[in-house]
Amino acid sequence: MDAGAGEHRGAPSLYSDKVLTCADCSQDFVFTASEQDFYATRGFTEPRRCSPCRASRKAARGDAGSSYGDTSYGDTGASRGSGSGTGYGSGTGFGDRGGGYSRGPREMFTATCSSCGKEASVPFRPTSGKPVYCSDCFTIRRA
């Protein structure tokens, strides 16, 4: 460990670099003092996988750069979009609020509106027994 390693903003660190073994590839990797400090301040547990294996799992899940967890919280209500007819966001991120990240295009599913019978495009896979509404009917029911 070189001089200065394990220090943060001039103060001595409570942590020192640790060698951990990846749960996937069994390779050793270094969990640095600064990473430990970062994880501790956010209440995270220490990583079980090396960086390449974490990136590989993230890519396999289809995460497109969101570092806010495993769940995407996009627009789920109708009538939030630009009035394009679908009533759902454009799929450019967490409710189109900006922030420099994108989850890519949203997968849409076709269903028949349970109220008026029109064809509706929805951002979830419809399940039998649960009603699905087009944007217009959803707005009316929501009001």
N, C-alpha and C. Protein backbone atom coordinates (compact mmCIF):
# COMPACT_ATOMS: atom_id res chain seq x y z
N MET A 1 0.86 -1.17 0.00
CA MET A 1 0.00 0.00 0.00
C MET A 1 0.89 1.22 0.00
N ASP A 2 0.68 2.17 -0.91
CA ASP A 2 1.53 3.33 -1.01
C ASP A 2 1.12 4.38 0.01
N ALA A 3 2.04 5.34 0.26
CA ALA A 3 1.75 6.41 1.21
C ALA A 3 0.56 7.21 0.71
N GLY A 4 -0.35 7.50 1.58
CA GLY A 4 -1.54 8.26 1.19
C GLY A 4 -2.72 7.37 0.89
N ALA A 5 -2.48 6.09 0.59
CA ALA A 5 -3.60 5.20 0.33
C ALA A 5 -4.34 4.98 1.63
N GLY A 6 -5.63 4.94 1.56
CA GLY A 6 -6.42 4.75 2.75
C GLY A 6 -6.74 6.05 3.45
N GLU A 7 -6.34 7.18 2.85
CA GLU A 7 -6.68 8.48 3.43
C GLU A 7 -7.76 9.12 2.59
N HIS A 8 -8.63 9.86 3.23
CA HIS A 8 -9.75 10.50 2.55
C HIS A 8 -9.82 11.95 3.02
N ARG A 9 -9.62 12.88 2.12
CA ARG A 9 -9.68 14.31 2.43
C ARG A 9 -8.73 14.70 3.57
N GLY A 10 -7.55 14.09 3.57
CA GLY A 10 -6.54 14.47 4.55
C GLY A 10 -6.70 13.80 5.90
N ALA A 11 -7.79 13.13 6.17
CA ALA A 11 -7.98 12.47 7.46
C ALA A 11 -7.65 10.99 7.32
N PRO A 12 -7.09 10.40 8.37
CA PRO A 12 -6.80 8.96 8.28
C PRO A 12 -8.08 8.16 8.13
N SER A 13 -8.01 7.10 7.37
CA SER A 13 -9.18 6.27 7.11
C SER A 13 -9.33 5.20 8.18
N LEU A 14 -10.57 4.80 8.40
CA LEU A 14 -10.86 3.70 9.31
C LEU A 14 -10.66 2.38 8.60
N TYR A 15 -10.42 2.43 7.31
CA TYR A 15 -10.37 1.22 6.49
C TYR A 15 -9.00 1.06 5.86
N SER A 16 -8.69 -0.19 5.52
CA SER A 16 -7.51 -0.47 4.73
C SER A 16 -7.93 -1.44 3.63
N ASP A 17 -7.19 -1.44 2.53
CA ASP A 17 -7.54 -2.29 1.40
C ASP A 17 -7.69 -3.74 1.85
N LYS A 18 -8.71 -4.42 1.29
CA LYS A 18 -9.02 -5.81 1.64
C LYS A 18 -9.01 -6.64 0.37
N VAL A 19 -8.53 -7.84 0.45
CA VAL A 19 -8.61 -8.76 -0.68
C VAL A 19 -9.80 -9.69 -0.44
N LEU A 20 -10.74 -9.68 -1.40
CA LEU A 20 -11.93 -10.53 -1.32
C LEU A 20 -11.90 -11.52 -2.47
N THR A 21 -12.66 -12.59 -2.36
CA THR A 21 -12.76 -13.59 -3.42
C THR A 21 -14.14 -13.51 -4.05
N CYS A 22 -14.18 -13.42 -5.37
CA CYS A 22 -15.43 -13.29 -6.13
C CYS A 22 -16.25 -14.58 -6.00
N ALA A 23 -17.54 -14.41 -5.73
CA ALA A 23 -18.45 -15.56 -5.58
C ALA A 23 -18.71 -16.26 -6.92
N ASP A 24 -18.52 -15.55 -8.04
CA ASP A 24 -18.78 -16.14 -9.35
C ASP A 24 -17.54 -16.80 -9.96
N CYS A 25 -16.45 -16.02 -10.08
CA CYS A 25 -15.27 -16.53 -10.79
C CYS A 25 -14.15 -17.01 -9.86
N SER A 26 -14.32 -16.83 -8.56
CA SER A 26 -13.35 -17.25 -7.54
C SER A 26 -12.01 -16.54 -7.62
N GLN A 27 -11.93 -15.45 -8.37
CA GLN A 27 -10.71 -14.67 -8.45
C GLN A 27 -10.66 -13.68 -7.28
N ASP A 28 -9.46 -13.39 -6.81
CA ASP A 28 -9.31 -12.38 -5.77
C ASP A 28 -9.42 -11.00 -6.39
N PHE A 29 -10.01 -10.07 -5.64
CA PHE A 29 -10.06 -8.67 -6.07
C PHE A 29 -9.89 -7.78 -4.85
N VAL A 30 -9.44 -6.55 -5.07
CA VAL A 30 -9.17 -5.63 -3.97
C VAL A 30 -10.39 -4.75 -3.72
N PHE A 31 -10.84 -4.74 -2.49
CA PHE A 31 -11.90 -3.85 -2.03
C PHE A 31 -11.17 -2.72 -1.31
N THR A 32 -10.97 -1.61 -2.02
CA THR A 32 -10.11 -0.54 -1.52
C THR A 32 -10.72 0.16 -0.30
N ALA A 33 -9.87 0.86 0.42
CA ALA A 33 -10.31 1.60 1.60
C ALA A 33 -11.35 2.65 1.22
N SER A 34 -11.14 3.31 0.08
CA SER A 34 -12.11 4.34 -0.33
C SER A 34 -13.44 3.70 -0.73
N GLU A 35 -13.40 2.51 -1.36
CA GLU A 35 -14.64 1.80 -1.69
C GLU A 35 -15.37 1.38 -0.40
N GLN A 36 -14.61 0.92 0.58
CA GLN A 36 -15.21 0.52 1.85
C GLN A 36 -15.90 1.71 2.52
N ASP A 37 -15.25 2.86 2.49
CA ASP A 37 -15.83 4.08 3.06
C ASP A 37 -17.12 4.44 2.32
N PHE A 38 -17.08 4.38 0.98
CA PHE A 38 -18.25 4.67 0.16
C PHE A 38 -19.40 3.72 0.51
N TYR A 39 -19.12 2.42 0.56
CA TYR A 39 -20.15 1.43 0.88
C TYR A 39 -20.71 1.66 2.28
N ALA A 40 -19.85 1.95 3.24
CA ALA A 40 -20.28 2.14 4.62
C ALA A 40 -21.18 3.37 4.77
N THR A 41 -20.83 4.47 4.09
CA THR A 41 -21.64 5.69 4.22
C THR A 41 -23.02 5.51 3.62
N ARG A 42 -23.17 4.56 2.71
CA ARG A 42 -24.47 4.32 2.09
C ARG A 42 -25.19 3.09 2.65
N GLY A 43 -24.57 2.44 3.62
CA GLY A 43 -25.20 1.29 4.26
C GLY A 43 -25.18 0.02 3.42
N PHE A 44 -24.28 -0.05 2.43
CA PHE A 44 -24.17 -1.23 1.59
C PHE A 44 -23.33 -2.29 2.29
N THR A 45 -23.58 -3.56 1.96
CA THR A 45 -22.71 -4.63 2.43
C THR A 45 -21.55 -4.75 1.46
N GLU A 46 -20.47 -5.39 1.90
CA GLU A 46 -19.31 -5.48 1.00
C GLU A 46 -19.65 -6.35 -0.21
N PRO A 47 -19.04 -6.05 -1.35
CA PRO A 47 -19.37 -6.78 -2.58
C PRO A 47 -18.95 -8.24 -2.50
N ARG A 48 -19.74 -9.09 -3.15
CA ARG A 48 -19.42 -10.51 -3.21
C ARG A 48 -18.79 -10.88 -4.55
N ARG A 49 -18.86 -9.95 -5.51
CA ARG A 49 -18.35 -10.24 -6.85
C ARG A 49 -17.36 -9.16 -7.28
N CYS A 50 -16.41 -9.56 -8.13
CA CYS A 50 -15.45 -8.60 -8.68
C CYS A 50 -16.17 -7.69 -9.68
N SER A 51 -15.55 -6.62 -10.03
CA SER A 51 -16.15 -5.64 -10.93
C SER A 51 -16.57 -6.23 -12.28
N PRO A 52 -15.72 -7.04 -12.95
CA PRO A 52 -16.16 -7.62 -14.22
C PRO A 52 -17.39 -8.53 -14.07
N CYS A 53 -17.46 -9.32 -13.00
CA CYS A 53 -18.62 -10.20 -12.79
C CYS A 53 -19.86 -9.40 -12.46
N ARG A 54 -19.72 -8.29 -11.70
CA ARG A 54 -20.88 -7.43 -11.42
C ARG A 54 -21.39 -6.82 -12.72
N ALA A 55 -20.46 -6.36 -13.57
CA ALA A 55 -20.86 -5.76 -14.85
C ALA A 55 -21.54 -6.80 -15.74
N SER A 56 -21.03 -8.02 -15.73
CA SER A 56 -21.61 -9.08 -16.53
C SER A 56 -23.03 -9.40 -16.08
N ARG A 57 -23.25 -9.50 -14.77
CA ARG A 57 -24.60 -9.77 -14.24
C ARG A 57 -25.55 -8.62 -14.55
N LYS A 58 -25.04 -7.41 -14.45
CA LYS A 58 -25.86 -6.23 -14.74
C LYS A 58 -26.29 -6.24 -16.21
N ALA A 59 -25.36 -6.57 -17.10
CA ALA A 59 -25.68 -6.63 -18.53
C ALA A 59 -26.68 -7.75 -18.81
N ALA A 60 -26.55 -8.87 -18.12
CA ALA A 60 -27.46 -10.00 -18.33
C ALA A 60 -28.88 -9.65 -17.88
N ARG A 61 -29.00 -8.79 -16.85
CA ARG A 61 -30.32 -8.36 -16.38
C ARG A 61 -30.93 -7.33 -17.31
N GLY A 62 -30.10 -6.71 -18.14
CA GLY A 62 -30.62 -5.70 -19.06
C GLY A 62 -30.58 -4.31 -18.49
N ASP A 63 -29.88 -4.09 -17.38
CA ASP A 63 -29.76 -2.74 -16.84
C ASP A 63 -28.98 -1.90 -17.82
N ALA A 64 -29.48 -0.72 -18.11
CA ALA A 64 -28.84 0.14 -19.10
C ALA A 64 -28.18 1.33 -18.44
N GLY A 65 -27.39 1.11 -17.43
CA GLY A 65 -26.62 2.18 -16.85
C GLY A 65 -27.20 2.79 -15.60
N SER A 66 -28.30 2.35 -15.12
CA SER A 66 -28.84 2.89 -13.89
C SER A 66 -28.05 2.37 -12.72
N SER A 67 -27.56 3.27 -11.88
CA SER A 67 -26.83 2.82 -10.72
C SER A 67 -27.66 2.98 -9.46
N TYR A 68 -28.95 3.06 -9.61
CA TYR A 68 -29.82 3.30 -8.48
C TYR A 68 -30.51 2.04 -8.00
N GLY A 69 -29.99 0.88 -8.32
CA GLY A 69 -30.60 -0.35 -7.86
C GLY A 69 -31.06 -1.21 -9.01
N ASP A 70 -31.77 -2.26 -8.67
CA ASP A 70 -32.17 -3.23 -9.66
C ASP A 70 -33.52 -2.95 -10.28
N THR A 71 -34.24 -2.00 -9.76
CA THR A 71 -35.60 -1.76 -10.22
C THR A 71 -35.67 -0.48 -11.02
N SER A 72 -36.39 -0.49 -12.12
CA SER A 72 -36.63 0.71 -12.89
C SER A 72 -37.97 1.28 -12.49
N TYR A 73 -37.99 2.55 -12.16
CA TYR A 73 -39.22 3.20 -11.73
C TYR A 73 -39.64 4.22 -12.78
N GLY A 74 -40.11 3.78 -13.89
CA GLY A 74 -40.54 4.68 -14.96
C GLY A 74 -41.96 5.13 -14.75
N ASP A 75 -42.48 5.83 -15.73
CA ASP A 75 -43.88 6.23 -15.69
C ASP A 75 -44.75 5.00 -15.68
N THR A 76 -45.65 4.88 -14.73
CA THR A 76 -46.55 3.75 -14.71
C THR A 76 -47.99 4.19 -14.84
N GLY A 77 -48.22 5.48 -14.78
CA GLY A 77 -49.59 5.97 -14.90
C GLY A 77 -49.82 6.54 -16.28
N ALA A 78 -51.07 6.53 -16.71
CA ALA A 78 -51.39 7.07 -18.03
C ALA A 78 -51.45 8.58 -17.95
N SER A 79 -51.49 9.20 -19.11
CA SER A 79 -51.66 10.64 -19.27
C SER A 79 -50.50 11.45 -18.75
N ARG A 80 -49.32 10.86 -18.66
CA ARG A 80 -48.17 11.65 -18.25
C ARG A 80 -47.31 12.04 -19.43
N GLY A 81 -47.50 11.39 -20.53
CA GLY A 81 -46.66 11.64 -21.70
C GLY A 81 -47.04 12.93 -22.38
N SER A 82 -46.70 13.02 -23.65
CA SER A 82 -46.95 14.23 -24.40
C SER A 82 -48.31 14.19 -25.08
N GLY A 83 -49.14 13.25 -24.73
CA GLY A 83 -50.44 13.14 -25.38
C GLY A 83 -50.34 12.41 -26.69
N SER A 84 -49.36 11.53 -26.81
CA SER A 84 -49.12 10.84 -28.08
C SER A 84 -50.11 9.72 -28.34
N GLY A 85 -51.02 9.47 -27.41
CA GLY A 85 -51.99 8.42 -27.61
C GLY A 85 -51.73 7.22 -26.73
N THR A 86 -50.46 6.95 -26.43
CA THR A 86 -50.18 5.80 -25.56
C THR A 86 -50.39 6.19 -24.11
N GLY A 87 -50.10 7.44 -23.76
CA GLY A 87 -50.29 7.89 -22.39
C GLY A 87 -49.16 7.47 -21.47
N TYR A 88 -48.16 6.77 -21.99
CA TYR A 88 -47.05 6.32 -21.17
C TYR A 88 -45.80 7.04 -21.62
N GLY A 89 -44.83 7.17 -20.71
CA GLY A 89 -43.60 7.89 -21.01
C GLY A 89 -42.87 7.31 -22.20
N SER A 90 -41.88 8.05 -22.66
CA SER A 90 -41.15 7.63 -23.85
C SER A 90 -40.09 6.59 -23.54
N GLY A 91 -39.91 6.25 -22.27
CA GLY A 91 -38.94 5.22 -21.93
C GLY A 91 -37.52 5.72 -21.89
N THR A 92 -37.31 7.01 -21.65
CA THR A 92 -35.97 7.55 -21.64
C THR A 92 -35.40 7.64 -20.24
N GLY A 93 -36.01 7.04 -19.27
CA GLY A 93 -35.46 7.06 -17.93
C GLY A 93 -36.55 7.18 -16.90
N PHE A 94 -36.18 7.46 -15.71
CA PHE A 94 -37.09 7.48 -14.58
C PHE A 94 -38.11 8.59 -14.74
N GLY A 95 -39.19 8.32 -15.47
CA GLY A 95 -40.26 9.29 -15.63
C GLY A 95 -39.85 10.48 -16.47
N ASP A 96 -38.85 10.33 -17.30
CA ASP A 96 -38.38 11.40 -18.18
C ASP A 96 -37.99 12.66 -17.40
N ARG A 97 -37.39 12.49 -16.25
CA ARG A 97 -36.99 13.63 -15.45
C ARG A 97 -35.57 14.09 -15.76
N GLY A 98 -34.92 13.47 -16.71
CA GLY A 98 -33.54 13.83 -17.00
C GLY A 98 -32.58 13.15 -16.05
N GLY A 99 -31.36 13.61 -15.98
CA GLY A 99 -30.40 13.05 -15.06
C GLY A 99 -29.29 12.29 -15.77
N GLY A 100 -29.33 12.21 -17.09
CA GLY A 100 -28.23 11.64 -17.83
C GLY A 100 -28.21 10.13 -17.90
N TYR A 101 -29.31 9.47 -17.69
CA TYR A 101 -29.34 8.03 -17.82
C TYR A 101 -30.57 7.61 -18.58
N SER A 102 -30.49 6.44 -19.19
CA SER A 102 -31.60 5.98 -20.01
C SER A 102 -31.69 4.47 -19.91
N ARG A 103 -32.89 3.96 -19.86
CA ARG A 103 -33.04 2.51 -19.83
C ARG A 103 -33.34 1.95 -21.21
N GLY A 104 -33.37 2.80 -22.22
CA GLY A 104 -33.64 2.35 -23.57
C GLY A 104 -35.13 2.31 -23.85
N PRO A 105 -35.51 1.83 -25.02
CA PRO A 105 -36.93 1.81 -25.37
C PRO A 105 -37.71 0.84 -24.49
N ARG A 106 -38.91 1.23 -24.14
CA ARG A 106 -39.77 0.42 -23.29
C ARG A 106 -40.49 -0.62 -24.13
N GLU A 107 -40.55 -1.84 -23.64
CA GLU A 107 -41.29 -2.88 -24.34
C GLU A 107 -42.77 -2.66 -24.07
N MET A 108 -43.55 -2.61 -25.13
CA MET A 108 -44.99 -2.37 -25.01
C MET A 108 -45.74 -3.62 -25.45
N PHE A 109 -46.93 -3.81 -24.86
CA PHE A 109 -47.76 -4.96 -25.16
C PHE A 109 -49.13 -4.48 -25.63
N THR A 110 -49.73 -5.23 -26.53
CA THR A 110 -51.05 -4.89 -27.04
C THR A 110 -52.10 -5.64 -26.24
N ALA A 111 -53.18 -4.91 -25.91
CA ALA A 111 -54.29 -5.51 -25.16
C ALA A 111 -55.58 -4.85 -25.60
N THR A 112 -56.69 -5.43 -25.23
CA THR A 112 -57.99 -4.86 -25.52
C THR A 112 -58.51 -4.19 -24.26
N CYS A 113 -58.94 -2.94 -24.38
CA CYS A 113 -59.44 -2.18 -23.24
C CYS A 113 -60.66 -2.89 -22.64
N SER A 114 -60.63 -3.08 -21.34
CA SER A 114 -61.71 -3.77 -20.64
C SER A 114 -62.98 -2.93 -20.57
N SER A 115 -62.86 -1.62 -20.81
CA SER A 115 -64.02 -0.74 -20.71
C SER A 115 -64.67 -0.47 -22.07
N CYS A 116 -63.87 -0.02 -23.04
CA CYS A 116 -64.45 0.39 -24.32
C CYS A 116 -64.18 -0.60 -25.47
N GLY A 117 -63.25 -1.54 -25.26
CA GLY A 117 -62.97 -2.53 -26.29
C GLY A 117 -61.94 -2.11 -27.32
N LYS A 118 -61.42 -0.87 -27.24
CA LYS A 118 -60.39 -0.43 -28.18
C LYS A 118 -59.07 -1.14 -27.90
N GLU A 119 -58.22 -1.17 -28.93
CA GLU A 119 -56.89 -1.73 -28.75
C GLU A 119 -56.07 -0.73 -27.95
N ALA A 120 -55.32 -1.23 -26.96
CA ALA A 120 -54.49 -0.37 -26.11
C ALA A 120 -53.07 -0.91 -26.11
N SER A 121 -52.11 0.00 -25.99
CA SER A 121 -50.72 -0.37 -25.89
C SER A 121 -50.27 -0.06 -24.47
N VAL A 122 -49.81 -1.07 -23.73
CA VAL A 122 -49.46 -0.90 -22.32
C VAL A 122 -48.04 -1.38 -22.05
N PRO A 123 -47.36 -0.81 -21.03
CA PRO A 123 -45.96 -1.17 -20.76
C PRO A 123 -45.81 -2.36 -19.82
N PHE A 124 -46.78 -3.24 -19.76
CA PHE A 124 -46.69 -4.43 -18.93
C PHE A 124 -47.39 -5.56 -19.65
N ARG A 125 -47.04 -6.78 -19.30
CA ARG A 125 -47.67 -7.95 -19.93
C ARG A 125 -49.03 -8.17 -19.25
N PRO A 126 -50.12 -8.01 -20.00
CA PRO A 126 -51.45 -8.20 -19.41
C PRO A 126 -51.63 -9.63 -18.90
N THR A 127 -52.28 -9.76 -17.76
CA THR A 127 -52.56 -11.08 -17.20
C THR A 127 -54.06 -11.31 -17.21
N SER A 128 -54.45 -12.55 -17.39
CA SER A 128 -55.88 -12.84 -17.45
C SER A 128 -56.52 -12.57 -16.09
N GLY A 129 -57.74 -12.08 -16.12
CA GLY A 129 -58.47 -11.80 -14.90
C GLY A 129 -58.27 -10.39 -14.37
N LYS A 130 -57.31 -9.65 -14.92
CA LYS A 130 -57.09 -8.28 -14.48
C LYS A 130 -57.45 -7.34 -15.61
N PRO A 131 -58.22 -6.29 -15.31
CA PRO A 131 -58.64 -5.37 -16.37
C PRO A 131 -57.47 -4.54 -16.89
N VAL A 132 -57.52 -4.23 -18.17
CA VAL A 132 -56.55 -3.36 -18.83
C VAL A 132 -57.35 -2.25 -19.50
N TYR A 133 -56.91 -1.02 -19.35
CA TYR A 133 -57.64 0.12 -19.90
C TYR A 133 -56.76 0.90 -20.88
N CYS A 134 -57.41 1.46 -21.90
CA CYS A 134 -56.70 2.36 -22.81
C CYS A 134 -56.44 3.65 -22.04
N SER A 135 -55.65 4.54 -22.61
CA SER A 135 -55.30 5.78 -21.93
C SER A 135 -56.53 6.60 -21.56
N ASP A 136 -57.48 6.70 -22.49
CA ASP A 136 -58.68 7.50 -22.22
C ASP A 136 -59.49 6.93 -21.06
N CYS A 137 -59.76 5.64 -21.09
CA CYS A 137 -60.55 5.01 -20.02
C CYS A 137 -59.80 5.04 -18.70
N PHE A 138 -58.48 4.87 -18.74
CA PHE A 138 -57.68 4.92 -17.52
C PHE A 138 -57.78 6.30 -16.89
N THR A 139 -57.69 7.33 -17.71
CA THR A 139 -57.80 8.70 -17.21
C THR A 139 -59.15 8.95 -16.55
N ILE A 140 -60.21 8.47 -17.18
CA ILE A 140 -61.57 8.65 -16.65
C ILE A 140 -61.68 7.92 -15.29
N ARG A 141 -61.18 6.69 -15.23
CA ARG A 141 -61.28 5.91 -13.99
C ARG A 141 -60.41 6.51 -12.88
N ARG A 142 -59.34 7.11 -13.24
CA ARG A 142 -58.40 7.68 -12.29
C ARG A 142 -58.94 8.95 -11.65
N ALA A 143 -59.76 9.69 -12.39
CA ALA A 143 -60.27 11.00 -11.92
C ALA A 143 -61.24 10.89 -10.77
